[in-house]
All heavy atoms as atom14 arrays in JSON, in Angstrom:
{
  "sequence": "YFGGTLLGTGGLVHAYTESSSMAVSSATTIVK",
  "atom14_mask": [
    [1, 1, 1, 1, 1, 1, 1, 1, 1, 1, 1, 1, 0, 0],
    [1, 1, 1, 1, 1, 1, 1, 1, 1, 1, 1, 0, 0, 0],
    [1, 1, 1, 1, 0, 0, 0, 0, 0, 0, 0, 0, 0, 0],
    [1, 1, 1, 1, 0, 0, 0, 0, 0, 0, 0, 0, 0, 0],
    [1, 1, 1, 1, 1, 1, 1, 0, 0, 0, 0, 0, 0, 0],
    [1, 1, 1, 1, 1, 1, 1, 1, 0, 0, 0, 0, 0, 0],
    [1, 1, 1, 1, 1, 1, 1, 1, 0, 0, 0, 0, 0, 0],
    [1, 1, 1, 1, 0, 0, 0, 0, 0, 0, 0, 0, 0, 0],
    [1, 1, 1, 1, 1, 1, 1, 0, 0, 0, 0, 0, 0, 0],
    [1, 1, 1, 1, 0, 0, 0, 0, 0, 0, 0, 0, 0, 0],
    [1, 1, 1, 1, 0, 0, 0, 0, 0, 0, 0, 0, 0, 0],
    [1, 1, 1, 1, 1, 1, 1, 1, 0, 0, 0, 0, 0, 0],
    [1, 1, 1, 1, 1, 1, 1, 0, 0, 0, 0, 0, 0, 0],
    [1, 1, 1, 1, 1, 1, 1, 1, 1, 1, 0, 0, 0, 0],
    [1, 1, 1, 1, 1, 0, 0, 0, 0, 0, 0, 0, 0, 0],
    [1, 1, 1, 1, 1, 1, 1, 1, 1, 1, 1, 1, 0, 0],
    [1, 1, 1, 1, 1, 1, 1, 0, 0, 0, 0, 0, 0, 0],
    [1, 1, 1, 1, 1, 1, 1, 1, 1, 0, 0, 0, 0, 0],
    [1, 1, 1, 1, 1, 1, 0, 0, 0, 0, 0, 0, 0, 0],
    [1, 1, 1, 1, 1, 1, 0, 0, 0, 0, 0, 0, 0, 0],
    [1, 1, 1, 1, 1, 1, 0, 0, 0, 0, 0, 0, 0, 0],
    [1, 1, 1, 1, 1, 1, 1, 1, 0, 0, 0, 0, 0, 0],
    [1, 1, 1, 1, 1, 0, 0, 0, 0, 0, 0, 0, 0, 0],
    [1, 1, 1, 1, 1, 1, 1, 0, 0, 0, 0, 0, 0, 0],
    [1, 1, 1, 1, 1, 1, 0, 0, 0, 0, 0, 0, 0, 0],
    [1, 1, 1, 1, 1, 1, 0, 0, 0, 0, 0, 0, 0, 0],
    [1, 1, 1, 1, 1, 0, 0, 0, 0, 0, 0, 0, 0, 0],
    [1, 1, 1, 1, 1, 1, 1, 0, 0, 0, 0, 0, 0, 0],
    [1, 1, 1, 1, 1, 1, 1, 0, 0, 0, 0, 0, 0, 0],
    [1, 1, 1, 1, 1, 1, 1, 1, 0, 0, 0, 0, 0, 0],
    [1, 1, 1, 1, 1, 1, 1, 0, 0, 0, 0, 0, 0, 0],
    [1, 1, 1, 1, 1, 1, 1, 1, 1, 0, 0, 0, 0, 0]
  ],
  "atom14_positions": [
    [[63.29, 63.88, 157.44], [62.12, 63.35, 157.99], [60.95, 64.35, 157.42], [60.91, 65.55, 157.73], [62.15, 63.51, 159.47], [62.97, 62.43, 160.14], [64.33, 62.78, 160.37], [62.38, 61.26, 160.57], [65.07, 61.78, 161.01], [63.21, 60.36, 161.23], [64.49, 60.57, 161.44], [65.31, 59.63, 162.07], [0.0, 0.0, 0.0], [0.0, 0.0, 0.0]],
    [[60.05, 63.78, 156.68], [58.97, 64.53, 156.11], [58.0, 65.13, 157.09], [57.45, 64.3, 158.06], [58.15, 63.7, 155.1], [57.15, 64.41, 154.25], [57.42, 65.57, 153.53], [55.87, 63.93, 154.3], [56.49, 66.24, 152.87], [54.91, 64.62, 153.58], [55.21, 65.82, 152.84], [0.0, 0.0, 0.0], [0.0, 0.0, 0.0], [0.0, 0.0, 0.0]],
    [[57.72, 66.41, 157.0], [56.82, 66.99, 158.01], [55.34, 67.14, 157.63], [54.6, 67.8, 158.31], [0.0, 0.0, 0.0], [0.0, 0.0, 0.0], [0.0, 0.0, 0.0], [0.0, 0.0, 0.0], [0.0, 0.0, 0.0], [0.0, 0.0, 0.0], [0.0, 0.0, 0.0], [0.0, 0.0, 0.0], [0.0, 0.0, 0.0], [0.0, 0.0, 0.0]],
    [[55.04, 66.71, 156.39], [53.64, 66.77, 156.04], [53.34, 67.89, 154.97], [52.26, 67.92, 154.42], [0.0, 0.0, 0.0], [0.0, 0.0, 0.0], [0.0, 0.0, 0.0], [0.0, 0.0, 0.0], [0.0, 0.0, 0.0], [0.0, 0.0, 0.0], [0.0, 0.0, 0.0], [0.0, 0.0, 0.0], [0.0, 0.0, 0.0], [0.0, 0.0, 0.0]],
    [[54.26, 68.84, 154.85], [54.02, 69.97, 153.86], [55.03, 69.84, 152.73], [56.3, 69.79, 153.04], [54.28, 71.33, 154.58], [53.28, 71.33, 155.73], [53.99, 72.41, 153.65], [0.0, 0.0, 0.0], [0.0, 0.0, 0.0], [0.0, 0.0, 0.0], [0.0, 0.0, 0.0], [0.0, 0.0, 0.0], [0.0, 0.0, 0.0], [0.0, 0.0, 0.0]],
    [[54.54, 69.94, 151.56], [55.45, 69.87, 150.39], [56.16, 71.23, 150.28], [55.62, 72.29, 150.43], [54.61, 69.65, 149.04], [53.87, 68.39, 148.97], [53.02, 68.32, 147.67], [54.93, 67.14, 149.02], [0.0, 0.0, 0.0], [0.0, 0.0, 0.0], [0.0, 0.0, 0.0], [0.0, 0.0, 0.0], [0.0, 0.0, 0.0], [0.0, 0.0, 0.0]],
    [[57.48, 71.14, 150.08], [58.33, 72.33, 150.0], [58.61, 72.87, 148.6], [59.05, 74.03, 148.46], [59.62, 72.01, 150.66], [59.64, 71.51, 152.16], [61.08, 71.37, 152.66], [58.9, 72.51, 153.08], [0.0, 0.0, 0.0], [0.0, 0.0, 0.0], [0.0, 0.0, 0.0], [0.0, 0.0, 0.0], [0.0, 0.0, 0.0], [0.0, 0.0, 0.0]],
    [[58.27, 72.13, 147.55], [58.5, 72.52, 146.26], [60.02, 72.37, 145.85], [60.85, 72.22, 146.78], [0.0, 0.0, 0.0], [0.0, 0.0, 0.0], [0.0, 0.0, 0.0], [0.0, 0.0, 0.0], [0.0, 0.0, 0.0], [0.0, 0.0, 0.0], [0.0, 0.0, 0.0], [0.0, 0.0, 0.0], [0.0, 0.0, 0.0], [0.0, 0.0, 0.0]],
    [[60.29, 72.39, 144.6], [61.66, 72.29, 144.18], [62.62, 73.26, 144.82], [63.73, 72.99, 145.29], [61.8, 72.13, 142.69], [61.3, 73.38, 142.1], [61.08, 71.05, 142.05], [0.0, 0.0, 0.0], [0.0, 0.0, 0.0], [0.0, 0.0, 0.0], [0.0, 0.0, 0.0], [0.0, 0.0, 0.0], [0.0, 0.0, 0.0], [0.0, 0.0, 0.0]],
    [[62.16, 74.52, 144.79], [63.02, 75.63, 145.27], [63.33, 75.43, 146.76], [64.41, 75.62, 147.31], [0.0, 0.0, 0.0], [0.0, 0.0, 0.0], [0.0, 0.0, 0.0], [0.0, 0.0, 0.0], [0.0, 0.0, 0.0], [0.0, 0.0, 0.0], [0.0, 0.0, 0.0], [0.0, 0.0, 0.0], [0.0, 0.0, 0.0], [0.0, 0.0, 0.0]],
    [[62.23, 75.07, 147.52], [62.42, 74.82, 148.94], [63.35, 73.71, 149.3], [64.13, 73.7, 150.26], [0.0, 0.0, 0.0], [0.0, 0.0, 0.0], [0.0, 0.0, 0.0], [0.0, 0.0, 0.0], [0.0, 0.0, 0.0], [0.0, 0.0, 0.0], [0.0, 0.0, 0.0], [0.0, 0.0, 0.0], [0.0, 0.0, 0.0], [0.0, 0.0, 0.0]],
    [[63.22, 72.6, 148.48], [64.07, 71.46, 148.68], [65.46, 71.73, 148.4], [66.44, 71.41, 149.21], [63.6, 70.29, 147.85], [62.33, 69.6, 148.22], [61.94, 68.58, 147.13], [62.45, 68.96, 149.61], [0.0, 0.0, 0.0], [0.0, 0.0, 0.0], [0.0, 0.0, 0.0], [0.0, 0.0, 0.0], [0.0, 0.0, 0.0], [0.0, 0.0, 0.0]],
    [[65.75, 72.45, 147.3], [67.17, 72.87, 147.01], [67.8, 73.71, 148.18], [68.86, 73.57, 148.56], [67.19, 73.71, 145.69], [68.62, 74.27, 145.41], [66.96, 72.72, 144.51], [0.0, 0.0, 0.0], [0.0, 0.0, 0.0], [0.0, 0.0, 0.0], [0.0, 0.0, 0.0], [0.0, 0.0, 0.0], [0.0, 0.0, 0.0], [0.0, 0.0, 0.0]],
    [[66.95, 74.67, 148.65], [67.44, 75.5, 149.77], [67.7, 74.65, 150.98], [68.74, 74.79, 151.61], [66.39, 76.47, 149.99], [66.58, 77.23, 151.45], [67.57, 78.2, 151.54], [66.03, 77.14, 152.57], [67.61, 78.63, 152.75], [66.67, 77.95, 153.41], [0.0, 0.0, 0.0], [0.0, 0.0, 0.0], [0.0, 0.0, 0.0], [0.0, 0.0, 0.0]],
    [[66.82, 73.7, 151.32], [66.96, 72.93, 152.5], [68.2, 72.03, 152.52], [68.98, 71.99, 153.36], [65.75, 72.11, 152.76], [0.0, 0.0, 0.0], [0.0, 0.0, 0.0], [0.0, 0.0, 0.0], [0.0, 0.0, 0.0], [0.0, 0.0, 0.0], [0.0, 0.0, 0.0], [0.0, 0.0, 0.0], [0.0, 0.0, 0.0], [0.0, 0.0, 0.0]],
    [[68.44, 71.39, 151.3], [69.59, 70.46, 151.18], [70.9, 71.3, 151.15], [71.86, 70.82, 151.68], [69.41, 69.49, 149.97], [68.46, 68.4, 150.25], [67.1, 68.42, 149.78], [68.89, 67.34, 151.08], [66.22, 67.39, 150.04], [67.95, 66.33, 151.34], [66.66, 66.33, 150.88], [65.75, 65.36, 151.14], [0.0, 0.0, 0.0], [0.0, 0.0, 0.0]],
    [[70.79, 72.47, 150.47], [71.96, 73.27, 150.43], [72.32, 73.75, 151.77], [73.46, 73.81, 152.23], [71.76, 74.4, 149.5], [71.59, 73.96, 148.2], [72.98, 75.41, 149.46], [0.0, 0.0, 0.0], [0.0, 0.0, 0.0], [0.0, 0.0, 0.0], [0.0, 0.0, 0.0], [0.0, 0.0, 0.0], [0.0, 0.0, 0.0], [0.0, 0.0, 0.0]],
    [[71.36, 74.4, 152.57], [71.6, 74.98, 153.84], [72.05, 73.93, 154.87], [73.04, 74.19, 155.58], [70.29, 75.57, 154.33], [70.38, 76.26, 155.68], [71.27, 77.57, 155.7], [71.45, 78.05, 154.52], [71.66, 78.08, 156.7], [0.0, 0.0, 0.0], [0.0, 0.0, 0.0], [0.0, 0.0, 0.0], [0.0, 0.0, 0.0], [0.0, 0.0, 0.0]],
    [[71.44, 72.78, 154.91], [71.92, 71.85, 155.96], [73.28, 71.26, 155.62], [74.08, 71.16, 156.63], [70.8, 70.62, 155.91], [70.7, 70.03, 154.69], [0.0, 0.0, 0.0], [0.0, 0.0, 0.0], [0.0, 0.0, 0.0], [0.0, 0.0, 0.0], [0.0, 0.0, 0.0], [0.0, 0.0, 0.0], [0.0, 0.0, 0.0], [0.0, 0.0, 0.0]],
    [[73.5, 70.92, 154.36], [74.9, 70.47, 154.1], [76.02, 71.55, 154.28], [77.08, 71.22, 154.74], [74.93, 69.85, 152.67], [74.54, 70.75, 151.67], [0.0, 0.0, 0.0], [0.0, 0.0, 0.0], [0.0, 0.0, 0.0], [0.0, 0.0, 0.0], [0.0, 0.0, 0.0], [0.0, 0.0, 0.0], [0.0, 0.0, 0.0], [0.0, 0.0, 0.0]],
    [[75.58, 72.74, 153.93], [76.59, 73.87, 154.16], [76.92, 73.99, 155.67], [78.01, 74.23, 156.03], [75.96, 75.15, 153.6], [75.86, 75.13, 152.23], [0.0, 0.0, 0.0], [0.0, 0.0, 0.0], [0.0, 0.0, 0.0], [0.0, 0.0, 0.0], [0.0, 0.0, 0.0], [0.0, 0.0, 0.0], [0.0, 0.0, 0.0], [0.0, 0.0, 0.0]],
    [[75.92, 73.91, 156.47], [76.15, 74.04, 157.96], [76.98, 72.89, 158.45], [77.92, 73.19, 159.24], [74.76, 73.94, 158.72], [73.98, 75.31, 158.46], [72.3, 75.22, 159.26], [72.74, 74.89, 160.97], [0.0, 0.0, 0.0], [0.0, 0.0, 0.0], [0.0, 0.0, 0.0], [0.0, 0.0, 0.0], [0.0, 0.0, 0.0], [0.0, 0.0, 0.0]],
    [[76.77, 71.66, 157.96], [77.6, 70.56, 158.41], [79.04, 70.7, 157.95], [79.97, 70.42, 158.69], [77.01, 69.2, 157.92], [0.0, 0.0, 0.0], [0.0, 0.0, 0.0], [0.0, 0.0, 0.0], [0.0, 0.0, 0.0], [0.0, 0.0, 0.0], [0.0, 0.0, 0.0], [0.0, 0.0, 0.0], [0.0, 0.0, 0.0], [0.0, 0.0, 0.0]],
    [[79.22, 71.14, 156.72], [80.62, 71.33, 156.11], [81.25, 72.48, 156.84], [82.41, 72.35, 157.27], [80.5, 71.64, 154.63], [81.87, 72.18, 154.14], [80.09, 70.43, 153.87], [0.0, 0.0, 0.0], [0.0, 0.0, 0.0], [0.0, 0.0, 0.0], [0.0, 0.0, 0.0], [0.0, 0.0, 0.0], [0.0, 0.0, 0.0], [0.0, 0.0, 0.0]],
    [[80.63, 73.49, 157.18], [81.14, 74.61, 157.96], [81.68, 74.21, 159.35], [82.66, 74.82, 159.77], [80.19, 75.81, 158.0], [79.86, 76.3, 156.79], [0.0, 0.0, 0.0], [0.0, 0.0, 0.0], [0.0, 0.0, 0.0], [0.0, 0.0, 0.0], [0.0, 0.0, 0.0], [0.0, 0.0, 0.0], [0.0, 0.0, 0.0], [0.0, 0.0, 0.0]],
    [[81.04, 73.26, 159.94], [81.41, 72.91, 161.3], [82.45, 71.77, 161.25], [82.99, 71.37, 162.35], [80.22, 72.33, 162.15], [79.58, 71.23, 161.5], [0.0, 0.0, 0.0], [0.0, 0.0, 0.0], [0.0, 0.0, 0.0], [0.0, 0.0, 0.0], [0.0, 0.0, 0.0], [0.0, 0.0, 0.0], [0.0, 0.0, 0.0], [0.0, 0.0, 0.0]],
    [[82.8, 71.23, 160.12], [83.74, 70.14, 159.98], [85.16, 70.7, 160.21], [85.57, 71.83, 159.8], [83.69, 69.51, 158.72], [0.0, 0.0, 0.0], [0.0, 0.0, 0.0], [0.0, 0.0, 0.0], [0.0, 0.0, 0.0], [0.0, 0.0, 0.0], [0.0, 0.0, 0.0], [0.0, 0.0, 0.0], [0.0, 0.0, 0.0], [0.0, 0.0, 0.0]],
    [[86.12, 69.81, 160.75], [87.45, 70.1, 160.83], [88.14, 69.54, 159.6], [87.93, 68.43, 159.19], [88.14, 69.44, 162.08], [87.45, 69.99, 163.22], [89.6, 69.77, 162.12], [0.0, 0.0, 0.0], [0.0, 0.0, 0.0], [0.0, 0.0, 0.0], [0.0, 0.0, 0.0], [0.0, 0.0, 0.0], [0.0, 0.0, 0.0], [0.0, 0.0, 0.0]],
    [[88.91, 70.39, 158.84], [89.46, 70.06, 157.71], [91.02, 69.82, 157.84], [91.59, 70.48, 158.67], [89.21, 71.1, 156.51], [89.74, 72.3, 156.88], [87.73, 71.16, 156.23], [0.0, 0.0, 0.0], [0.0, 0.0, 0.0], [0.0, 0.0, 0.0], [0.0, 0.0, 0.0], [0.0, 0.0, 0.0], [0.0, 0.0, 0.0], [0.0, 0.0, 0.0]],
    [[91.47, 69.04, 156.99], [92.99, 68.82, 156.94], [93.47, 68.7, 155.48], [92.69, 68.46, 154.63], [93.41, 67.45, 157.65], [92.67, 66.26, 157.06], [93.18, 67.56, 159.16], [93.07, 64.86, 157.61], [0.0, 0.0, 0.0], [0.0, 0.0, 0.0], [0.0, 0.0, 0.0], [0.0, 0.0, 0.0], [0.0, 0.0, 0.0], [0.0, 0.0, 0.0]],
    [[94.73, 68.94, 155.33], [95.34, 68.81, 154.01], [96.09, 67.51, 153.86], [96.84, 67.21, 154.79], [96.3, 70.03, 153.68], [96.91, 69.87, 152.29], [95.55, 71.35, 153.66], [0.0, 0.0, 0.0], [0.0, 0.0, 0.0], [0.0, 0.0, 0.0], [0.0, 0.0, 0.0], [0.0, 0.0, 0.0], [0.0, 0.0, 0.0], [0.0, 0.0, 0.0]],
    [[95.82, 66.73, 152.77], [96.55, 65.56, 152.52], [97.45, 65.79, 151.37], [97.05, 66.36, 150.32], [95.61, 64.37, 152.3], [94.96, 63.86, 153.54], [94.34, 62.52, 153.42], [93.8, 61.88, 154.69], [93.19, 60.55, 154.46], [0.0, 0.0, 0.0], [0.0, 0.0, 0.0], [0.0, 0.0, 0.0], [0.0, 0.0, 0.0], [0.0, 0.0, 0.0]]
  ]
}
């Protein structure tokens, strides 16, 4: 959801990395 302020390429990379990392860290993993 865009908040009105441009984050720049570095800011976007950080945001997408951080949010996806947090979701992955909270996931339950299994071995197949």
